[in-house]
């Protein structure tokens, strides 16, 4: 008989992330699949089926967190939470638990309407709580494809100003910028181009995946989203998309120009994240805080930590796994892994 396992699920609006662990908290497998949920609930059915096929495991206990309730498929967050849970109950069976933020982990059978807002977009709290269990003080910086979370912790507790997206946007603990899906026009309205400050077009011509493809920092398996123009994912195609932002036609021989332009745009996003980190670190007195980097954009956290003279710790090093590659994959999908591990500790 197969030993029981725990599967942590992070149901996003663009991706489904899942982590399989054993009952001791050892990470066994991680899966990341595209799930453009705004196109319909069938996208969720497909992504979950792909994960189940990859994991090949029964029986399993499932513990769920989500942000997918925000997509415009749903009229409001309550409807989104309800409909996502209905789908998962159909697909995953009976042993389902749901992360309700500060209210803890609840059996699906005990989830009621009054829990929906606590369930909505609570994945960040799972990651931060897990980090706080492993380091005495510091800040978790989880940079994903679309958003970034900046979460202080001290003496085993997460020091947050609020729990809802509204409160977290206001406090600066949630920044809507990421390294894959974020439109370039949301990061910069101006940038240096050929030695002069250049106004940029406010059009959805390019994304930050194009930027990091040209800086050489993008891992292609992380980019599961269609490009802005629906064409290929090559350095040349990314340069062509970035060129449209300036009104300048792309010429193959000008590739170094566009690589430099990408570095300028990277700096714009990095500066925004630096300002956000500085704001958060000023809130709580800490001696020699560390920055724990998680998410597919954590390569930026390492730069931030160096600039701020903070110790850098990769979330991957907090995980038990047989290989470093598996640890790194777990850091890419930190909320799913953290939630599964927290459930194993119950």
C-alpha atoms as a PDB file:
ATOM      1  CA  UNK A   1       0.000   0.000   0.000  1.00  0.00           C
ATOM      2  CA  UNK A   2       1.297   3.461  -0.891  1.00  0.00           C
ATOM      3  CA  UNK A   3       2.149   5.598   2.115  1.00  0.00           C
ATOM      4  CA  UNK A   4      -0.232   8.561   2.482  1.00  0.00           C
ATOM      5  CA  UNK A   5       1.028  11.890   1.268  1.00  0.00           C
ATOM      6  CA  UNK A   6       0.013  15.516   1.640  1.00  0.00           C
ATOM      7  CA  UNK A   7      -0.517  17.738  -1.378  1.00  0.00           C
ATOM      8  CA  UNK A   8      -0.486  21.493  -0.962  1.00  0.00           C
ATOM      9  CA  UNK A   9      -2.331  23.447  -3.656  1.00  0.00           C
ATOM     10  CA  UNK A  10      -1.955  27.120  -4.553  1.00  0.00           C
ATOM     11  CA  UNK A  11      -4.750  27.931  -6.997  1.00  0.00           C
ATOM     12  CA  UNK A  12      -3.835  31.145  -8.784  1.00  0.00           C
ATOM     13  CA  UNK A  13      -5.517  33.120 -11.496  1.00  0.00           C
ATOM     14  CA  UNK A  14      -2.780  32.280 -14.004  1.00  0.00           C
ATOM     15  CA  UNK A  15      -1.117  29.154 -12.580  1.00  0.00           C
ATOM     16  CA  UNK A  16      -1.818  26.145 -10.410  1.00  0.00           C
ATOM     17  CA  UNK A  17       1.076  25.195  -8.160  1.00  0.00           C
ATOM     18  CA  UNK A  18       1.158  21.970  -6.167  1.00  0.00           C
ATOM     19  CA  UNK A  19       3.634  20.337  -3.800  1.00  0.00           C
ATOM     20  CA  UNK A  20       3.655  16.727  -2.661  1.00  0.00           C
ATOM     21  CA  UNK A  21       5.288  15.933   0.680  1.00  0.00           C
ATOM     22  CA  UNK A  22       5.383  12.924   2.964  1.00  0.00           C
ATOM     23  CA  UNK A  23       4.011  13.010   6.501  1.00  0.00           C
ATOM     24  CA  UNK A  24       7.422  14.040   7.879  1.00  0.00           C
ATOM     25  CA  UNK A  25       7.420  17.203   5.750  1.00  0.00           C
ATOM     26  CA  UNK A  26       9.948  15.967   3.184  1.00  0.00           C
ATOM     27  CA  UNK A  27       9.318  17.444  -0.249  1.00  0.00           C
ATOM     28  CA  UNK A  28       8.753  14.762  -2.890  1.00  0.00           C
ATOM     29  CA  UNK A  29       7.571  16.585  -6.012  1.00  0.00           C
ATOM     30  CA  UNK A  30       6.498  20.018  -7.257  1.00  0.00           C
ATOM     31  CA  UNK A  31       4.289  20.888 -10.218  1.00  0.00           C
ATOM     32  CA  UNK A  32       3.596  24.254 -11.863  1.00  0.00           C
ATOM     33  CA  UNK A  33       0.966  24.455 -14.611  1.00  0.00           C
ATOM     34  CA  UNK A  34      -0.596  27.322 -16.518  1.00  0.00           C
ATOM     35  CA  UNK A  35      -4.218  27.992 -15.602  1.00  0.00           C
ATOM     36  CA  UNK A  36      -5.699  31.129 -17.221  1.00  0.00           C
ATOM     37  CA  UNK A  37      -8.723  30.944 -14.963  1.00  0.00           C
ATOM     38  CA  UNK A  38     -10.335  34.057 -16.409  1.00  0.00           C
ATOM     39  CA  UNK A  39     -11.122  31.956 -19.476  1.00  0.00           C
ATOM     40  CA  UNK A  40     -13.372  29.589 -17.511  1.00  0.00           C
ATOM     41  CA  UNK A  41     -13.458  26.918 -14.817  1.00  0.00           C
ATOM     42  CA  UNK A  42     -12.546  24.248 -17.358  1.00  0.00           C
ATOM     43  CA  UNK A  43      -9.011  25.682 -17.156  1.00  0.00           C
ATOM     44  CA  UNK A  44      -8.909  24.680 -13.494  1.00  0.00           C
ATOM     45  CA  UNK A  45     -10.196  21.189 -14.313  1.00  0.00           C
ATOM     46  CA  UNK A  46      -7.399  20.777 -16.861  1.00  0.00           C
ATOM     47  CA  UNK A  47      -4.600  22.063 -14.629  1.00  0.00           C
ATOM     48  CA  UNK A  48      -5.635  19.934 -11.646  1.00  0.00           C
ATOM     49  CA  UNK A  49      -5.865  16.856 -13.873  1.00  0.00           C
ATOM     50  CA  UNK A  50      -2.330  17.522 -15.129  1.00  0.00           C
ATOM     51  CA  UNK A  51      -1.036  17.724 -11.554  1.00  0.00           C
ATOM     52  CA  UNK A  52      -2.833  14.541 -10.530  1.00  0.00           C
ATOM     53  CA  UNK A  53      -1.392  12.704 -13.514  1.00  0.00           C
ATOM     54  CA  UNK A  54       2.112  13.886 -12.654  1.00  0.00           C
ATOM     55  CA  UNK A  55       1.836  13.006  -8.962  1.00  0.00           C
ATOM     56  CA  UNK A  56       0.403   9.475  -9.445  1.00  0.00           C
ATOM     57  CA  UNK A  57      -0.529   9.134  -5.795  1.00  0.00           C
ATOM     58  CA  UNK A  58      -3.421   7.783  -3.772  1.00  0.00           C
ATOM     59  CA  UNK A  59      -4.400   8.203  -1.047  1.00  0.00           C
ATOM     60  CA  UNK A  60      -3.603  11.827  -0.309  1.00  0.00           C
ATOM     61  CA  UNK A  61      -4.691  14.625   1.958  1.00  0.00           C
ATOM     62  CA  UNK A  62      -5.168  17.898   0.123  1.00  0.00           C
ATOM     63  CA  UNK A  63      -4.737  21.354   1.641  1.00  0.00           C
ATOM     64  CA  UNK A  64      -5.683  24.365  -0.451  1.00  0.00           C
ATOM     65  CA  UNK A  65      -4.936  28.062  -0.688  1.00  0.00           C
ATOM     66  CA  UNK A  66      -5.854  30.380  -3.531  1.00  0.00           C
ATOM     67  CA  UNK A  67      -5.716  33.740  -5.238  1.00  0.00           C
ATOM     68  CA  UNK A  68      -7.718  32.716  -8.291  1.00  0.00           C
ATOM     69  CA  UNK A  69     -10.930  34.105  -6.822  1.00  0.00           C
ATOM     70  CA  UNK A  70      -9.771  37.539  -8.017  1.00  0.00           C
ATOM     71  CA  UNK A  71     -10.124  36.849 -11.744  1.00  0.00           C
ATOM     72  CA  UNK A  72     -12.924  38.607 -13.587  1.00  0.00           C
ATOM     73  CA  UNK A  73     -14.668  35.310 -14.263  1.00  0.00           C
ATOM     74  CA  UNK A  74     -16.270  35.896 -10.853  1.00  0.00           C
ATOM     75  CA  UNK A  75     -18.428  38.821  -9.786  1.00  0.00           C
ATOM     76  CA  UNK A  76     -16.710  39.011  -6.391  1.00  0.00           C
ATOM     77  CA  UNK A  77     -14.258  37.159  -4.165  1.00  0.00           C
ATOM     78  CA  UNK A  78     -16.928  35.217  -2.293  1.00  0.00           C
ATOM     79  CA  UNK A  79     -18.273  33.755  -5.509  1.00  0.00           C
ATOM     80  CA  UNK A  80     -14.763  32.912  -6.638  1.00  0.00           C
ATOM     81  CA  UNK A  81     -13.852  31.082  -3.442  1.00  0.00           C
ATOM     82  CA  UNK A  82     -17.114  29.156  -3.474  1.00  0.00           C
ATOM     83  CA  UNK A  83     -16.875  28.050  -7.091  1.00  0.00           C
ATOM     84  CA  UNK A  84     -13.198  27.095  -6.879  1.00  0.00           C
ATOM     85  CA  UNK A  85     -13.897  24.967  -3.801  1.00  0.00           C
ATOM     86  CA  UNK A  86     -16.811  23.254  -5.544  1.00  0.00           C
ATOM     87  CA  UNK A  87     -14.531  22.289  -8.444  1.00  0.00           C
ATOM     88  CA  UNK A  88     -11.791  21.023  -6.145  1.00  0.00           C
ATOM     89  CA  UNK A  89     -14.237  19.012  -4.060  1.00  0.00           C
ATOM     90  CA  UNK A  90     -15.349  17.289  -7.244  1.00  0.00           C
ATOM     91  CA  UNK A  91     -11.817  16.581  -8.449  1.00  0.00           C
ATOM     92  CA  UNK A  92      -9.921  15.755  -5.271  1.00  0.00           C
ATOM     93  CA  UNK A  93     -12.262  13.660  -3.166  1.00  0.00           C
ATOM     94  CA  UNK A  94     -13.069  13.820   0.531  1.00  0.00           C
ATOM     95  CA  UNK A  95      -9.813  14.566   2.370  1.00  0.00           C
ATOM     96  CA  UNK A  96      -9.704  18.281   1.603  1.00  0.00           C
ATOM     97  CA  UNK A  97      -8.655  21.072   3.932  1.00  0.00           C
ATOM     98  CA  UNK A  98      -8.651  24.802   3.264  1.00  0.00           C
ATOM     99  CA  UNK A  99      -6.318  27.518   4.522  1.00  0.00           C
ATOM    100  CA  UNK A 100      -8.388  30.350   5.956  1.00  0.00           C
ATOM    101  CA  UNK A 101      -5.553  32.707   6.827  1.00  0.00           C
ATOM    102  CA  UNK A 102      -5.532  33.790  10.450  1.00  0.00           C
ATOM    103  CA  UNK A 103      -8.408  31.375  11.107  1.00  0.00           C
ATOM    104  CA  UNK A 104      -6.127  28.450  10.344  1.00  0.00           C
ATOM    105  CA  UNK A 105      -6.640  25.274   8.332  1.00  0.00           C
ATOM    106  CA  UNK A 106     -10.240  24.048   8.185  1.00  0.00           C
ATOM    107  CA  UNK A 107     -11.744  20.797   6.888  1.00  0.00           C
ATOM    108  CA  UNK A 108     -13.713  21.598   3.748  1.00  0.00           C
ATOM    109  CA  UNK A 109     -16.870  20.315   5.435  1.00  0.00           C
ATOM    110  CA  UNK A 110     -16.546  23.073   8.056  1.00  0.00           C
ATOM    111  CA  UNK A 111     -15.970  25.915   5.601  1.00  0.00           C
ATOM    112  CA  UNK A 112     -18.912  28.315   5.654  1.00  0.00           C
ATOM    113  CA  UNK A 113     -19.748  31.546   3.876  1.00  0.00           C
ATOM    114  CA  UNK A 114     -18.290  33.649   6.681  1.00  0.00           C
ATOM    115  CA  UNK A 115     -14.883  32.045   6.016  1.00  0.00           C
ATOM    116  CA  UNK A 116     -14.687  33.011   2.351  1.00  0.00           C
ATOM    117  CA  UNK A 117     -12.985  36.382   2.771  1.00  0.00           C
ATOM    118  CA  UNK A 118     -10.393  34.838   5.098  1.00  0.00           C
ATOM    119  CA  UNK A 119      -9.691  32.150   2.478  1.00  0.00           C
ATOM    120  CA  UNK A 120      -9.374  34.658  -0.349  1.00  0.00           C
ATOM    121  CA  UNK A 121      -5.760  35.439  -1.319  1.00  0.00           C
ATOM    122  CA  UNK A 122      -4.242  34.097   1.899  1.00  0.00           C
ATOM    123  CA  UNK A 123      -1.392  32.123   0.316  1.00  0.00           C
ATOM    124  CA  UNK A 124       1.209  34.722   1.371  1.00  0.00           C
ATOM    125  CA  UNK A 125       0.468  34.090   5.055  1.00  0.00           C
ATOM    126  CA  UNK A 126       1.296  30.401   4.722  1.00  0.00           C
ATOM    127  CA  UNK A 127       4.718  31.199   3.239  1.00  0.00           C
ATOM    128  CA  UNK A 128       5.503  33.911   5.779  1.00  0.00           C
ATOM    129  CA  UNK A 129       4.392  31.770   8.742  1.00  0.00           C
ATOM    130  CA  UNK A 130       6.622  28.931   7.553  1.00  0.00           C
ATOM    131  CA  UNK A 131       9.577  31.304   7.155  1.00  0.00           C
ATOM    132  CA  UNK A 132       9.016  32.733  10.632  1.00  0.00           C
ATOM    133  CA  UNK A 133       9.280  29.218  12.061  1.00  0.00           C
ATOM    134  CA  UNK A 134      12.783  28.844  10.645  1.00  0.00           C
ATOM    135  CA  UNK A 135      14.475  32.192  11.267  1.00  0.00           C
ATOM    136  CA  UNK A 136      14.250  34.493  14.311  1.00  0.00           C
ATOM    137  CA  UNK A 137      13.682  37.711  12.370  1.00  0.00           C
ATOM    138  CA  UNK A 138      13.754  39.153   8.900  1.00  0.00           C
ATOM    139  CA  UNK A 139      11.605  39.716   5.858  1.00  0.00           C
ATOM    140  CA  UNK A 140      10.227  37.281   3.326  1.00  0.00           C
ATOM    141  CA  UNK A 141      10.263  38.702  -0.201  1.00  0.00           C
ATOM    142  CA  UNK A 142       8.310  36.463  -2.546  1.00  0.00           C
ATOM    143  CA  UNK A 143       8.509  37.722  -6.130  1.00  0.00           C
ATOM    144  CA  UNK A 144       6.263  35.811  -8.484  1.00  0.00           C
ATOM    145  CA  UNK A 145       5.086  36.083 -12.051  1.00  0.00           C
ATOM    146  CA  UNK A 146       2.559  38.822 -11.249  1.00  0.00           C
ATOM    147  CA  UNK A 147       2.925  40.091  -7.681  1.00  0.00           C
ATOM    148  CA  UNK A 148       5.453  40.516  -4.894  1.00  0.00           C
ATOM    149  CA  UNK A 149       4.882  39.977  -1.168  1.00  0.00           C
ATOM    150  CA  UNK A 150       7.064  41.712   1.426  1.00  0.00           C
ATOM    151  CA  UNK A 151       6.408  40.284   4.875  1.00  0.00           C
ATOM    152  CA  UNK A 152       8.233  41.041   8.094  1.00  0.00           C
ATOM    153  CA  UNK A 153       8.538  38.441  10.847  1.00  0.00           C
ATOM    154  CA  UNK A 154      10.032  38.549  14.317  1.00  0.00           C
ATOM    155  CA  UNK A 155      10.224  36.058  17.188  1.00  0.00           C
ATOM    156  CA  UNK A 156       8.220  33.486  15.280  1.00  0.00           C
ATOM    157  CA  UNK A 157       5.388  35.853  14.395  1.00  0.00           C
ATOM    158  CA  UNK A 158       4.457  37.475  11.105  1.00  0.00           C
ATOM    159  CA  UNK A 159       4.237  41.258  11.565  1.00  0.00           C
ATOM    160  CA  UNK A 160       1.539  42.272   9.088  1.00  0.00           C
ATOM    161  CA  UNK A 161      -0.475  45.480   8.850  1.00  0.00           C
ATOM    162  CA  UNK A 162      -3.477  43.789   7.259  1.00  0.00           C
ATOM    163  CA  UNK A 163      -4.843  40.611   5.739  1.00  0.00           C
ATOM    164  CA  UNK A 164      -6.997  41.649   2.790  1.00  0.00           C
ATOM    165  CA  UNK A 165      -5.553  42.669  -0.572  1.00  0.00           C
ATOM    166  CA  UNK A 166      -6.924  46.163   0.021  1.00  0.00           C
ATOM    167  CA  UNK A 167      -5.097  46.475   3.356  1.00  0.00           C
ATOM    168  CA  UNK A 168      -1.908  44.933   2.004  1.00  0.00           C
ATOM    169  CA  UNK A 169      -1.786  47.203  -1.047  1.00  0.00           C
ATOM    170  CA  UNK A 170      -2.231  50.175   1.246  1.00  0.00           C
ATOM    171  CA  UNK A 171       0.550  49.044   3.595  1.00  0.00           C
ATOM    172  CA  UNK A 172       2.932  48.157   0.764  1.00  0.00           C
ATOM    173  CA  UNK A 173       3.137  44.521   1.832  1.00  0.00           C
ATOM    174  CA  UNK A 174       1.660  43.582  -1.546  1.00  0.00           C
ATOM    175  CA  UNK A 175       3.169  45.091  -4.690  1.00  0.00           C
ATOM    176  CA  UNK A 176       1.551  44.333  -8.023  1.00  0.00           C
ATOM    177  CA  UNK A 177       4.717  43.700  -9.970  1.00  0.00           C
ATOM    178  CA  UNK A 178       6.248  40.415 -11.095  1.00  0.00           C
ATOM    179  CA  UNK A 179       8.902  39.058 -13.421  1.00  0.00           C
ATOM    180  CA  UNK A 180       6.725  37.301 -16.015  1.00  0.00           C
ATOM    181  CA  UNK A 181       3.205  38.627 -16.602  1.00  0.00           C
ATOM    182  CA  UNK A 182       3.588  42.277 -15.594  1.00  0.00           C
ATOM    183  CA  UNK A 183       3.267  44.629 -18.555  1.00  0.00           C
ATOM    184  CA  UNK A 184       6.327  46.792 -19.177  1.00  0.00           C
ATOM    185  CA  UNK A 185       4.070  49.850 -19.297  1.00  0.00           C
ATOM    186  CA  UNK A 186       3.155  49.158 -15.640  1.00  0.00           C
ATOM    187  CA  UNK A 187       6.830  49.293 -14.638  1.00  0.00           C
ATOM    188  CA  UNK A 188       8.127  52.283 -16.566  1.00  0.00           C
ATOM    189  CA  UNK A 189       6.731  55.243 -18.467  1.00  0.00           C
ATOM    190  CA  UNK A 190      10.216  56.484 -19.302  1.00  0.00           C
ATOM    191  CA  UNK A 191      13.611  54.846 -19.693  1.00  0.00           C
ATOM    192  CA  UNK A 192      17.037  55.635 -21.082  1.00  0.00           C
ATOM    193  CA  UNK A 193      17.363  54.524 -24.683  1.00  0.00           C
ATOM    194  CA  UNK A 194      20.464  55.225 -26.756  1.00  0.00           C
ATOM    195  CA  UNK A 195      21.722  57.613 -24.090  1.00  0.00           C
ATOM    196  CA  UNK A 196      18.593  59.739 -23.778  1.00  0.00           C
ATOM    197  CA  UNK A 197      15.487  59.616 -21.646  1.00  0.00           C
ATOM    198  CA  UNK A 198      12.762  58.049 -23.756  1.00  0.00           C
ATOM    199  CA  UNK A 199       8.989  58.200 -23.298  1.00  0.00           C
ATOM    200  CA  UNK A 200       7.445  54.752 -23.617  1.00  0.00           C
ATOM    201  CA  UNK A 201       4.156  53.798 -25.203  1.00  0.00           C
ATOM    202  CA  UNK A 202       1.327  52.937 -22.815  1.00  0.00           C
ATOM    203  CA  UNK A 203       0.435  49.839 -24.805  1.00  0.00           C
ATOM    204  CA  UNK A 204       0.482  46.145 -23.991  1.00  0.00           C
ATOM    205  CA  UNK A 205       3.400  45.486 -26.320  1.00  0.00           C
ATOM    206  CA  UNK A 206       5.772  43.648 -23.977  1.00  0.00           C
ATOM    207  CA  UNK A 207       5.986  42.018 -20.548  1.00  0.00           C
ATOM    208  CA  UNK A 208       8.712  41.664 -17.968  1.00  0.00           C
ATOM    209  CA  UNK A 209       9.340  38.130 -19.249  1.00  0.00           C
ATOM    210  CA  UNK A 210      10.741  39.838 -22.343  1.00  0.00           C
ATOM    211  CA  UNK A 211      12.988  41.987 -20.173  1.00  0.00           C
ATOM    212  CA  UNK A 212      14.404  39.075 -18.188  1.00  0.00           C
ATOM    213  CA  UNK A 213      14.776  36.943 -21.303  1.00  0.00           C
ATOM    214  CA  UNK A 214      17.160  39.602 -22.618  1.00  0.00           C
ATOM    215  CA  UNK A 215      19.032  40.023 -19.317  1.00  0.00           C
ATOM    216  CA  UNK A 216      19.529  36.241 -19.247  1.00  0.00           C
ATOM    217  CA  UNK A 217      17.768  35.795 -15.882  1.00  0.00           C
ATOM    218  CA  UNK A 218      14.518  34.202 -17.058  1.00  0.00           C
ATOM    219  CA  UNK A 219      14.174  30.450 -16.654  1.00  0.00           C
ATOM    220  CA  UNK A 220      11.999  29.459 -19.573  1.00  0.00           C
ATOM    221  CA  UNK A 221      10.023  26.842 -17.626  1.00  0.00           C
ATOM    222  CA  UNK A 222       8.665  29.683 -15.493  1.00  0.00           C
ATOM    223  CA  UNK A 223       7.172  31.531 -18.465  1.00  0.00           C
ATOM    224  CA  UNK A 224       3.917  29.712 -19.158  1.00  0.00           C
ATOM    225  CA  UNK A 225       1.963  32.775 -20.279  1.00  0.00           C
ATOM    226  CA  UNK A 226       1.311  33.794 -23.876  1.00  0.00           C
ATOM    227  CA  UNK A 227       3.452  36.670 -25.122  1.00  0.00           C
ATOM    228  CA  UNK A 228       1.934  40.102 -25.668  1.00  0.00           C
ATOM    229  CA  UNK A 229       1.830  39.586 -29.434  1.00  0.00           C
ATOM    230  CA  UNK A 230       1.125  35.857 -29.345  1.00  0.00           C
ATOM    231  CA  UNK A 231       4.383  34.962 -31.077  1.00  0.00           C
ATOM    232  CA  UNK A 232       7.464  32.997 -30.082  1.00  0.00           C
ATOM    233  CA  UNK A 233       9.540  33.231 -26.920  1.00  0.00           C
ATOM    234  CA  UNK A 234      13.015  33.941 -28.262  1.00  0.00           C
ATOM    235  CA  UNK A 235      15.481  36.745 -27.475  1.00  0.00           C
ATOM    236  CA  UNK A 236      14.866  38.240 -30.914  1.00  0.00           C
ATOM    237  CA  UNK A 237      11.087  38.203 -30.468  1.00  0.00           C
ATOM    238  CA  UNK A 238      11.429  39.730 -26.994  1.00  0.00           C
ATOM    239  CA  UNK A 239      13.650  42.482 -28.393  1.00  0.00           C
ATOM    240  CA  UNK A 240      11.083  43.172 -31.121  1.00  0.00           C
ATOM    241  CA  UNK A 241       8.318  43.484 -28.528  1.00  0.00           C
ATOM    242  CA  UNK A 242      10.429  45.849 -26.396  1.00  0.00           C
ATOM    243  CA  UNK A 243      11.263  47.911 -29.454  1.00  0.00           C
ATOM    244  CA  UNK A 244       7.578  48.595 -29.993  1.00  0.00           C
ATOM    245  CA  UNK A 245       7.522  50.329 -26.608  1.00  0.00           C
ATOM    246  CA  UNK A 246       9.858  53.000 -27.998  1.00  0.00           C
ATOM    247  CA  UNK A 247       8.415  53.373 -31.486  1.00  0.00           C
ATOM    248  CA  UNK A 248      11.756  52.236 -32.898  1.00  0.00           C
ATOM    249  CA  UNK A 249      11.898  49.334 -35.363  1.00  0.00           C
ATOM    250  CA  UNK A 250      13.846  46.277 -34.281  1.00  0.00           C
ATOM    251  CA  UNK A 251      16.910  45.404 -36.330  1.00  0.00           C
ATOM    252  CA  UNK A 252      18.707  42.126 -35.617  1.00  0.00           C
ATOM    253  CA  UNK A 253      22.128  43.783 -35.564  1.00  0.00           C
ATOM    254  CA  UNK A 254      20.909  46.128 -32.787  1.00  0.00           C
ATOM    255  CA  UNK A 255      20.531  43.314 -30.250  1.00  0.00           C
ATOM    256  CA  UNK A 256      23.058  44.842 -27.785  1.00  0.00           C
ATOM    257  CA  UNK A 257      20.948  48.031 -27.781  1.00  0.00           C
ATOM    258  CA  UNK A 258      17.875  46.114 -26.681  1.00  0.00           C
ATOM    259  CA  UNK A 259      19.787  44.142 -24.077  1.00  0.00           C
ATOM    260  CA  UNK A 260      20.891  47.436 -22.547  1.00  0.00           C
ATOM    261  CA  UNK A 261      17.328  48.728 -22.769  1.00  0.00           C
ATOM    262  CA  UNK A 262      16.165  45.607 -20.915  1.00  0.00           C
ATOM    263  CA  UNK A 263      18.711  46.305 -18.183  1.00  0.00           C
ATOM    264  CA  UNK A 264      17.280  49.820 -17.847  1.00  0.00           C
ATOM    265  CA  UNK A 265      13.781  48.373 -17.394  1.00  0.00           C
ATOM    266  CA  UNK A 266      15.067  45.817 -14.902  1.00  0.00           C
ATOM    267  CA  UNK A 267      16.504  48.677 -12.863  1.00  0.00           C
ATOM    268  CA  UNK A 268      13.111  50.408 -12.839  1.00  0.00           C
ATOM    269  CA  UNK A 269      11.409  47.360 -11.363  1.00  0.00           C
ATOM    270  CA  UNK A 270      14.271  46.715  -8.952  1.00  0.00           C
ATOM    271  CA  UNK A 271      14.049  50.302  -7.680  1.00  0.00           C
ATOM    272  CA  UNK A 272      10.340  49.914  -7.033  1.00  0.00           C
ATOM    273  CA  UNK A 273      11.024  46.769  -5.023  1.00  0.00           C
ATOM    274  CA  UNK A 274      13.896  48.445  -3.173  1.00  0.00           C
ATOM    275  CA  UNK A 275      11.622  51.324  -2.139  1.00  0.00           C
ATOM    276  CA  UNK A 276       9.043  48.809  -0.928  1.00  0.00           C
ATOM    277  CA  UNK A 277      11.639  46.838   1.055  1.00  0.00           C
ATOM    278  CA  UNK A 278      12.986  49.989   2.678  1.00  0.00           C
ATOM    279  CA  UNK A 279       9.478  51.025   3.678  1.00  0.00           C
ATOM    280  CA  UNK A 280       8.781  47.689   5.338  1.00  0.00           C
ATOM    281  CA  UNK A 281      12.122  47.400   7.118  1.00  0.00           C
ATOM    282  CA  UNK A 282      11.569  50.830   8.659  1.00  0.00           C
ATOM    283  CA  UNK A 283       8.422  49.588  10.414  1.00  0.00           C
ATOM    284  CA  UNK A 284      10.009  47.119  12.846  1.00  0.00           C
ATOM    285  CA  UNK A 285      13.244  47.391  14.795  1.00  0.00           C
ATOM    286  CA  UNK A 286      15.537  44.497  13.898  1.00  0.00           C
ATOM    287  CA  UNK A 287      19.204  43.788  14.403  1.00  0.00           C
ATOM    288  CA  UNK A 288      20.834  42.512  11.193  1.00  0.00           C
ATOM    289  CA  UNK A 289      17.643  41.317   9.483  1.00  0.00           C
ATOM    290  CA  UNK A 290      17.833  38.697   6.763  1.00  0.00           C
ATOM    291  CA  UNK A 291      15.912  38.660   3.483  1.00  0.00           C
ATOM    292  CA  UNK A 292      14.397  35.320   2.541  1.00  0.00           C
ATOM    293  CA  UNK A 293      13.850  35.124  -1.200  1.00  0.00           C
ATOM    294  CA  UNK A 294      11.065  33.031  -2.696  1.00  0.00           C
ATOM    295  CA  UNK A 295       9.231  32.835  -5.995  1.00  0.00           C
ATOM    296  CA  UNK A 296      10.407  32.709  -9.590  1.00  0.00           C
ATOM    297  CA  UNK A 297      11.775  36.261  -9.301  1.00  0.00           C
ATOM    298  CA  UNK A 298      13.868  35.737  -6.207  1.00  0.00           C
ATOM    299  CA  UNK A 299      17.058  36.461  -8.156  1.00  0.00           C
ATOM    300  CA  UNK A 300      16.095  40.105  -7.574  1.00  0.00           C
ATOM    301  CA  UNK A 301      15.901  39.532  -3.806  1.00  0.00           C
ATOM    302  CA  UNK A 302      19.527  38.498  -3.735  1.00  0.00           C
ATOM    303  CA  UNK A 303      20.450  41.857  -5.306  1.00  0.00           C
ATOM    304  CA  UNK A 304      18.197  43.704  -2.864  1.00  0.00           C
ATOM    305  CA  UNK A 305      19.767  41.969   0.131  1.00  0.00           C
ATOM    306  CA  UNK A 306      23.266  42.855  -1.031  1.00  0.00           C
ATOM    307  CA  UNK A 307      22.316  46.515  -1.525  1.00  0.00           C
ATOM    308  CA  UNK A 308      20.627  46.667   1.897  1.00  0.00           C
ATOM    309  CA  UNK A 309      23.546  44.864   3.619  1.00  0.00           C
ATOM    310  CA  UNK A 310      21.216  42.065   4.695  1.00  0.00           C
ATOM    311  CA  UNK A 311      21.947  38.364   4.786  1.00  0.00           C
ATOM    312  CA  UNK A 312      20.268  36.578   1.866  1.00  0.00           C
ATOM    313  CA  UNK A 313      18.611  33.205   2.424  1.00  0.00           C
ATOM    314  CA  UNK A 314      16.890  31.273  -0.348  1.00  0.00           C
ATOM    315  CA  UNK A 315      13.577  29.797   0.742  1.00  0.00           C
ATOM    316  CA  UNK A 316      14.831  26.569  -0.840  1.00  0.00           C
ATOM    317  CA  UNK A 317      17.289  26.062   2.027  1.00  0.00           C
ATOM    318  CA  UNK A 318      14.401  25.845   4.506  1.00  0.00           C
ATOM    319  CA  UNK A 319      13.020  22.762   2.759  1.00  0.00           C
ATOM    320  CA  UNK A 320      13.738  19.073   3.248  1.00  0.00           C
ATOM    321  CA  UNK A 321      14.291  17.363  -0.092  1.00  0.00           C
ATOM    322  CA  UNK A 322      16.603  14.790  -1.627  1.00  0.00           C
ATOM    323  CA  UNK A 323      18.046  17.123  -4.256  1.00  0.00           C
ATOM    324  CA  UNK A 324      18.886  20.790  -4.549  1.00  0.00           C
ATOM    325  CA  UNK A 325      16.893  20.987  -7.787  1.00  0.00           C
ATOM    326  CA  UNK A 326      13.785  19.873  -5.909  1.00  0.00           C
ATOM    327  CA  UNK A 327      14.436  22.431  -3.178  1.00  0.00           C
ATOM    328  CA  UNK A 328      14.727  25.164  -5.799  1.00  0.00           C
ATOM    329  CA  UNK A 329      11.492  24.047  -7.453  1.00  0.00           C
ATOM    330  CA  UNK A 330       9.861  24.220  -4.038  1.00  0.00           C
ATOM    331  CA  UNK A 331      11.027  27.794  -3.631  1.00  0.00           C
ATOM    332  CA  UNK A 332       9.383  28.637  -6.969  1.00  0.00           C
ATOM    333  CA  UNK A 333       6.061  27.410  -5.510  1.00  0.00           C
ATOM    334  CA  UNK A 334       6.619  28.468  -1.913  1.00  0.00           C
ATOM    335  CA  UNK A 335       2.983  28.881  -0.707  1.00  0.00           C
ATOM    336  CA  UNK A 336       1.997  25.373  -1.804  1.00  0.00           C
ATOM    337  CA  UNK A 337       5.057  23.839  -0.127  1.00  0.00           C
ATOM    338  CA  UNK A 338       4.735  25.915   3.038  1.00  0.00           C
ATOM    339  CA  UNK A 339       1.060  25.066   3.427  1.00  0.00           C
ATOM    340  CA  UNK A 340       1.656  21.344   2.972  1.00  0.00           C
ATOM    341  CA  UNK A 341       4.452  21.424   5.562  1.00  0.00           C
ATOM    342  CA  UNK A 342       2.328  23.361   8.036  1.00  0.00           C
ATOM    343  CA  UNK A 343      -0.424  20.814   7.626  1.00  0.00           C
ATOM    344  CA  UNK A 344       2.026  17.969   8.281  1.00  0.00           C
ATOM    345  CA  UNK A 345       2.948  19.629  11.579  1.00  0.00           C
ATOM    346  CA  UNK A 346      -0.646  19.688  12.850  1.00  0.00           C
END
